[in-house]
Amino acid sequence: MTQAIVELKDVSKSFRSADGNPRLVLDDVDFTLRDREIVALLGQSGSGKSTLLRIMAGLIEADQGEVLYKGQPLYGPARGISMVFQSFALFPWLTVQQNIELGLEARGVSTEERERRAEQAIDLIGLSGFEGALPRELSGGMRQRVGIARALVVEPDVLLMDEAFSALDVLTGERLRDDILDLWEERTIPTRAILVVSHNIEEAVLMADRVLVFASDPGRVKYQMNINLPRPRDPNSPEIRGLMDEVYAVMTAGRVRSHKPHDAQGGVPGEGEVERLRLDERLPEADFSRMEGLLERLVDEPFNGRADLPYLGEETGLTDEELLPVADALALLDLAHLAGGDLSITALGQRYVAAEFAERQTMFGQQLLARVPLAAHIRHSLLQEPSGEVPLKPFLDLLSETLSAEEAQSVLDVVIEWGRHGEVYAYNYNTDMIQLPESEQAD
């Protein structure tokens, strides 16, 4: 069997929520990164993927379980593990060469040796001629090359990449990804294993020998797919398209609570039958205008009401990170049905597309109150107040009991924007007060 380089055994991790109670982020994660393999890790935002990488890098400790590097327990950062961050994480006052030398300097490497190895990394990653440039003088792709060179200059056994290409435009990201794969295939770098966290399903299938899909709340491995195809891989080949469809199906399975379909006469969908979301459930971060645009695109040629998600993404120009939340939101509001990696419009969705703007707003508001308990709770609270307004903070505090501060704010932002669009309540940014719509307020 291929040698294990990093092993996680029953790893769990919790963080403190705003009320001081522990919130489980990772639960009993078992994972092995083996010699000469690239693994891609996919999952929803907030599923704990980045936390897992930081545990593997020794940047944070697991609460439970074992983390082994080359068979030995990992305590703190390992010399043989490097990490590339999404945000570039460069020191703006240091030159390209100085940024790349930082890790070597921290390890006590001599000045001459630092310069030699940094120059090699600069040449390797395509930065020659930019040694003396400051980060502000570089494009996003060049800055990320500096981050990758800084990770590679210490000659790591393991390279961890946390959304390393997501901040770049599509062409730059593809070019940089291909350069990394070329270095890997040619064994120009001594790195023995790579773990890539990504939101891009095509990227994962093109790069990886193994694709893992993470479940959320708490994070854990729910699916694994081995890919025994040589690289480089053709994204348009039947084999790759089939693998992408399989991953899309897994990624969308169970993303929205199931419910009984509405009848053919188009009554209120799932009335009395909906498996309701929790009050503190995460909501897909989807803009309503993009939701409407996707729904309108779905009814047109060539889809005619049903679309394969990878093809729909290509036709609309949406990335997976943009497309999946919109598809989730449409399914959540029962304007579309999401299953098996396909998105199909419902009878209600068809009526929505055919409706005028005012009727669409009414339908959107009705579905929001019927399908999202937090929106219904806000609306009910407003109706109980003689003034017709309530402060935002109690709802934020409620969400913060089970979600992180960032997640709680995100959920509240989404439900406020959706509620305003559906005219079920309004929001005053100056006073942080949620209000009944102006048409319902007392004189």
Foldseek 3Di string as FASTA:
>chain_A
DFAFFKWWAQFWAWDAFPVRDTFTADGGATDTFGFQFEEEEAEDPSQCPVVVVCCQQQVDDTPDTFIDGSRHGDHHGDLQEFEQEQVLPFDQVAFLLVRLLVVVVVVVHDPVLSNVLSVVLCVLLPNPPRRGPGPVVDDPLVSLSSSVSSRQSSQHQEYEYEQSLVVDPPVSSVVSLVSVVVCSVVVVGNHTYYYYYHLFLLSRLQGGQKYFYWDVSHTYTDDMDGDDDDPRDDCPDPVNVVVSLQVLQVRQVPLAFDWDADDPVDDDGRVVTGPADDLLDFAQLADVVVLLVLLLVCCDPPNNFKDQQVVSCVVVVHGSSHRPRSLRNCVLLQQWNDHSNMIGGGPVVVVLNVDDQLVVLQSLLVSCCVHHVNLVVLLVVLVVDLQQKDAPVVQLVVNSNHDHNVSSVSRSVRSQNSCVSSQSWHADPVRRMIGRRPVPGDD
